[in-house]
Structures are given as C-alpha cells and as structure tokens.
C-alpha cells in the first residue's frame, strides 16, 4: 500500500487531507512540525509527502529544500498544500523542489489525483 506523510499543524486540515487520502486507498502518517516530518521521513520513507508551509519551527519551504537536497530523500515527491496560494508563493514552492503546489481550502479530488499521479510517476 502506498504511504503519504501529511505534515500539517492545523488539526482540521490534517483530518480533511488524511481522510481524503485514506479514502483513496493511501496509508497516512502524520507530523505537525518540520522537525517531526524529517524524523519520520528518515525512519519510514513515505511514497509522497503533503507539506504545509506555515509550520512551527522550520517552514515547509525549508523542509522541502532539506528533502530535495538529501540523496536518500530527493526522489520522494512533495506536494505543498498551503493557504499561501499566490503566484509568488507557488513559484517559490516549486523553486524549493516541490513537485506540485495546491492552495487551501484543498480540492479533495485534485489532491487525490495529484498524489496518485506523483506516486505512479
């Protein structure tokens, strides 16, 4: 079964994203900070990461950069999912190595489609 790591500090968004992915047949791991996400990635190697930008401690942009800079994690697709939905935010997110950028409130069908495409890629 494919596994997604959802990195989100807002409980409501975490529940929406997690249940959407679970209904799509994807196992979900969760983290509520960048530090926790990096620890889980090193021990669990998810197939895809859904990453918020505004997190306690390190931002999602920094976490994405760390993931894409490390040889052992650079091939894990990252979907940034953030309330920061402006064109500059999307540009900056993709520049950090994100494979996709979705604005919140997230379109659940689009989220599931994007995640599945990236896992199969």
Protein backbone atom coordinates (compact mmCIF):
# COMPACT_ATOMS: atom_id res chain seq x y z
CA UNK A 1 0.00 0.00 0.00
CA UNK A 2 1.27 3.47 -0.87
CA UNK A 3 2.09 5.73 2.07
CA UNK A 4 1.75 9.52 2.36
CA UNK A 5 3.27 11.66 5.08
CA UNK A 6 0.97 14.61 5.82
CA UNK A 7 2.81 17.48 7.52
CA UNK A 8 0.18 19.85 8.89
CA UNK A 9 -0.17 21.69 12.21
CA UNK A 10 -3.88 22.60 11.82
CA UNK A 11 -5.92 19.66 13.15
CA UNK A 12 -8.91 20.37 10.87
CA UNK A 13 -6.77 20.47 7.70
CA UNK A 14 -4.88 17.39 8.88
CA UNK A 15 -8.14 15.46 9.27
CA UNK A 16 -9.52 16.59 5.89
CA UNK A 17 -6.33 15.73 3.98
CA UNK A 18 -5.76 12.45 5.84
CA UNK A 19 -9.30 11.15 5.36
CA UNK A 20 -9.26 12.16 1.69
CA UNK A 21 -6.07 10.15 1.10
CA UNK A 22 -7.24 7.19 3.21
CA UNK A 23 -10.50 7.00 1.25
CA UNK A 24 -8.33 6.88 -1.87
CA UNK A 25 -6.54 3.81 -0.53
CA UNK A 26 -3.38 5.51 0.71
CA UNK A 27 -1.89 4.84 4.14
CA UNK A 28 -1.29 8.09 6.05
CA UNK A 29 1.45 9.03 8.50
CA UNK A 30 1.25 12.47 10.13
CA UNK A 31 3.60 15.08 11.56
CA UNK A 32 2.76 18.51 12.97
CA UNK A 33 6.18 20.15 12.58
CA UNK A 34 9.07 20.20 10.15
CA UNK A 35 11.38 18.52 12.65
CA UNK A 36 8.91 15.67 13.26
CA UNK A 37 8.43 15.30 9.50
CA UNK A 38 12.17 14.93 8.84
CA UNK A 39 12.45 12.34 11.64
CA UNK A 40 9.54 10.31 10.23
CA UNK A 41 10.87 10.53 6.67
CA UNK A 42 14.21 9.04 7.73
CA UNK A 43 12.55 6.11 9.51
CA UNK A 44 9.54 5.43 7.25
CA UNK A 45 10.39 6.59 3.67
CA UNK A 46 6.87 7.60 2.50
CA UNK A 47 5.91 7.40 -1.19
CA UNK A 48 4.75 11.04 -1.17
CA UNK A 49 4.77 14.00 1.24
CA UNK A 50 1.92 16.52 1.59
CA UNK A 51 3.50 19.56 3.19
CA UNK A 52 2.06 22.74 4.70
CA UNK A 53 4.17 25.92 4.54
CA UNK A 54 3.32 27.61 7.84
CA UNK A 55 4.62 25.22 10.49
CA UNK A 56 6.07 25.65 13.98
CA UNK A 57 9.86 25.82 13.91
CA UNK A 58 11.00 25.34 10.32
CA UNK A 59 8.82 26.40 7.40
CA UNK A 60 7.55 23.95 4.81
CA UNK A 61 9.82 25.67 2.27
CA UNK A 62 12.87 24.80 4.41
CA UNK A 63 11.68 21.23 4.96
CA UNK A 64 11.08 20.79 1.22
CA UNK A 65 14.57 22.08 0.47
CA UNK A 66 16.07 19.63 3.01
CA UNK A 67 14.15 16.71 1.48
CA UNK A 68 15.22 17.58 -2.05
CA UNK A 69 18.86 18.23 -1.07
CA UNK A 70 19.37 14.85 0.63
CA UNK A 71 20.32 11.99 -1.75
CA UNK A 72 18.25 9.44 0.19
CA UNK A 73 15.01 11.51 0.03
CA UNK A 74 15.33 13.67 -3.10
CA UNK A 75 13.16 11.30 -5.17
CA UNK A 76 10.20 11.43 -2.78
CA UNK A 77 7.54 13.65 -4.40
CA UNK A 78 6.46 16.67 -2.35
CA UNK A 79 3.02 18.30 -2.67
CA UNK A 80 2.88 21.69 -0.96
CA UNK A 81 -0.62 22.36 0.34
CA UNK A 82 -0.94 25.85 1.79
CA UNK A 83 -3.22 28.82 2.39
CA UNK A 84 -0.43 30.82 0.74
CA UNK A 85 -1.90 30.47 -2.75
CA UNK A 86 -0.45 33.49 -4.55
CA UNK A 87 1.58 33.14 -7.73
CA UNK A 88 4.82 34.14 -5.96
CA UNK A 89 4.18 31.52 -3.25
CA UNK A 90 3.65 28.84 -5.89
CA UNK A 91 6.73 29.97 -7.79
CA UNK A 92 8.84 29.90 -4.61
CA UNK A 93 7.47 26.50 -3.59
CA UNK A 94 8.34 24.96 -6.95
CA UNK A 95 11.76 26.61 -6.77
CA UNK A 96 12.36 24.79 -3.44
CA UNK A 97 11.80 21.49 -5.25
CA UNK A 98 8.08 20.84 -4.75
CA UNK A 99 6.53 18.55 -7.34
CA UNK A 100 3.08 20.17 -7.01
CA UNK A 101 1.50 23.13 -5.20
CA UNK A 102 -2.16 23.16 -4.16
CA UNK A 103 -3.90 26.07 -2.44
CA UNK A 104 -6.19 25.59 0.58
CA UNK A 105 -9.00 25.02 1.00
CA UNK A 106 -7.88 21.96 -0.89
CA UNK A 107 -9.98 20.42 -3.64
CA UNK A 108 -10.01 16.83 -2.39
CA UNK A 109 -10.43 15.25 -5.82
CA UNK A 110 -7.50 17.30 -7.14
CA UNK A 111 -5.38 16.40 -4.10
CA UNK A 112 -6.00 12.67 -4.53
CA UNK A 113 -5.40 12.82 -8.29
CA UNK A 114 -2.15 14.77 -7.83
CA UNK A 115 -0.84 12.44 -5.11
CA UNK A 116 -1.66 9.30 -7.13
CA UNK A 117 -0.02 10.73 -10.27
CA UNK A 118 3.16 11.54 -8.34
CA UNK A 119 3.30 8.10 -6.71
CA UNK A 120 2.95 6.41 -10.11
CA UNK A 121 5.46 8.71 -11.83
